[in-house]
Amino acid sequence: NPVVTIGQKGLTDNVTSEVDIALNAHELIKVKAYQHAKDECLAYASALGDSLSAEFIALIGHTLILYRKNPEKN
């Protein structure tokens, strides 16, 4: 299940912060982008990857899959 949702306002600072927290906790997460076109979803994935040093794994429908290794976990 997606742990973060990108709503109508798009990729806000709060959404970015929540994605960062989720990546610290889980390493591999799903982010749902409701009501956004595929090109917008890809732009969100790129922006999140750049700003959070995360790797974009895949886009399935409107769900982004992101990964970032947590150095504190084994």
C-alpha atoms as a PDB file:
ATOM      1  CA  ASN A   1       0.000   0.000   0.000  1.00  0.00           C
ATOM      2  CA  PRO A   2       1.172   3.556  -0.687  1.00  0.00           C
ATOM      3  CA  VAL A   3       2.601   5.253   2.396  1.00  0.00           C
ATOM      4  CA  VAL A   4       2.438   8.807   0.980  1.00  0.00           C
ATOM      5  CA  THR A   5      -0.124  10.449  -1.290  1.00  0.00           C
ATOM      6  CA  ILE A   6       0.476  13.387  -3.629  1.00  0.00           C
ATOM      7  CA  GLY A   7      -2.805  15.332  -3.688  1.00  0.00           C
ATOM      8  CA  GLN A   8      -4.224  18.100  -5.840  1.00  0.00           C
ATOM      9  CA  LYS A   9      -1.595  20.621  -4.745  1.00  0.00           C
ATOM     10  CA  GLY A  10       1.154  18.447  -6.215  1.00  0.00           C
ATOM     11  CA  LEU A  11       4.595  17.973  -4.769  1.00  0.00           C
ATOM     12  CA  THR A  12       4.662  20.283  -1.746  1.00  0.00           C
ATOM     13  CA  ASP A  13       7.317  20.646   0.942  1.00  0.00           C
ATOM     14  CA  ASN A  14       5.110  18.638   3.304  1.00  0.00           C
ATOM     15  CA  VAL A  15       4.823  15.772   0.820  1.00  0.00           C
ATOM     16  CA  THR A  16       8.587  15.782   0.268  1.00  0.00           C
ATOM     17  CA  SER A  17       9.143  15.716   4.031  1.00  0.00           C
ATOM     18  CA  GLU A  18       6.745  12.777   4.452  1.00  0.00           C
ATOM     19  CA  VAL A  19       8.497  10.867   1.656  1.00  0.00           C
ATOM     20  CA  ASP A  20      11.843  11.493   3.377  1.00  0.00           C
ATOM     21  CA  ILE A  21      10.492  10.169   6.685  1.00  0.00           C
ATOM     22  CA  ALA A  22       8.972   7.116   4.975  1.00  0.00           C
ATOM     23  CA  LEU A  23      12.234   6.336   3.149  1.00  0.00           C
ATOM     24  CA  ASN A  24      14.133   6.493   6.442  1.00  0.00           C
ATOM     25  CA  ALA A  25      11.695   4.040   7.968  1.00  0.00           C
ATOM     26  CA  HIS A  26      11.164   1.624   5.081  1.00  0.00           C
ATOM     27  CA  GLU A  27      13.835   2.161   2.357  1.00  0.00           C
ATOM     28  CA  LEU A  28      11.410   0.995  -0.389  1.00  0.00           C
ATOM     29  CA  ILE A  29       8.108   2.880  -0.564  1.00  0.00           C
ATOM     30  CA  LYS A  30       5.103   3.500  -2.772  1.00  0.00           C
ATOM     31  CA  VAL A  31       3.847   7.031  -3.372  1.00  0.00           C
ATOM     32  CA  LYS A  32       0.379   7.481  -4.896  1.00  0.00           C
ATOM     33  CA  ALA A  33      -0.202  10.462  -7.203  1.00  0.00           C
ATOM     34  CA  TYR A  34      -3.986  10.736  -7.595  1.00  0.00           C
ATOM     35  CA  GLN A  35      -5.426  12.747 -10.484  1.00  0.00           C
ATOM     36  CA  HIS A  36      -2.072  13.463 -12.095  1.00  0.00           C
ATOM     37  CA  ALA A  37      -0.984  12.651 -15.635  1.00  0.00           C
ATOM     38  CA  LYS A  38       1.806  10.153 -16.294  1.00  0.00           C
ATOM     39  CA  ASP A  39       4.271  12.901 -17.258  1.00  0.00           C
ATOM     40  CA  GLU A  40       3.536  14.710 -13.977  1.00  0.00           C
ATOM     41  CA  CYS A  41       4.127  11.486 -12.042  1.00  0.00           C
ATOM     42  CA  LEU A  42       7.479  11.033 -13.762  1.00  0.00           C
ATOM     43  CA  ALA A  43       8.398  14.645 -12.971  1.00  0.00           C
ATOM     44  CA  TYR A  44       7.501  14.042  -9.305  1.00  0.00           C
ATOM     45  CA  ALA A  45       9.668  10.915  -9.277  1.00  0.00           C
ATOM     46  CA  SER A  46      12.592  12.847 -10.738  1.00  0.00           C
ATOM     47  CA  ALA A  47      12.180  15.733  -8.287  1.00  0.00           C
ATOM     48  CA  LEU A  48      11.920  13.408  -5.290  1.00  0.00           C
ATOM     49  CA  GLY A  49      14.907  11.408  -6.460  1.00  0.00           C
ATOM     50  CA  ASP A  50      17.025  14.522  -6.853  1.00  0.00           C
ATOM     51  CA  SER A  51      16.017  16.242  -3.627  1.00  0.00           C
ATOM     52  CA  LEU A  52      16.092  13.138  -1.404  1.00  0.00           C
ATOM     53  CA  SER A  53      18.891  11.122  -3.026  1.00  0.00           C
ATOM     54  CA  ALA A  54      16.398   8.373  -3.752  1.00  0.00           C
ATOM     55  CA  GLU A  55      16.260   6.020  -6.695  1.00  0.00           C
ATOM     56  CA  PHE A  56      13.121   5.884  -8.833  1.00  0.00           C
ATOM     57  CA  ILE A  57      12.325   2.201  -9.399  1.00  0.00           C
ATOM     58  CA  ALA A  58       9.060   2.170 -11.348  1.00  0.00           C
ATOM     59  CA  LEU A  59       5.776   3.854 -12.141  1.00  0.00           C
ATOM     60  CA  ILE A  60       2.787   1.518 -11.997  1.00  0.00           C
ATOM     61  CA  GLY A  61      -0.378   3.372 -12.897  1.00  0.00           C
ATOM     62  CA  HIS A  62      -0.260   6.408 -10.626  1.00  0.00           C
ATOM     63  CA  THR A  63       2.008   4.782  -8.045  1.00  0.00           C
ATOM     64  CA  LEU A  64       5.696   5.712  -7.805  1.00  0.00           C
ATOM     65  CA  ILE A  65       8.094   3.230  -6.288  1.00  0.00           C
ATOM     66  CA  LEU A  66      11.147   4.817  -4.657  1.00  0.00           C
ATOM     67  CA  TYR A  67      14.185   3.351  -2.910  1.00  0.00           C
ATOM     68  CA  ARG A  68      16.871   4.840  -0.719  1.00  0.00           C
ATOM     69  CA  LYS A  69      19.261   2.749   1.341  1.00  0.00           C
ATOM     70  CA  ASN A  70      19.229   3.599   5.012  1.00  0.00           C
ATOM     71  CA  PRO A  71      22.861   3.439   6.227  1.00  0.00           C
ATOM     72  CA  GLU A  72      21.673   2.788   9.798  1.00  0.00           C
ATOM     73  CA  LYS A  73      20.045  -0.515   8.779  1.00  0.00           C
ATOM     74  CA  ASN A  74      22.018  -3.641   7.999  1.00  0.00           C
END
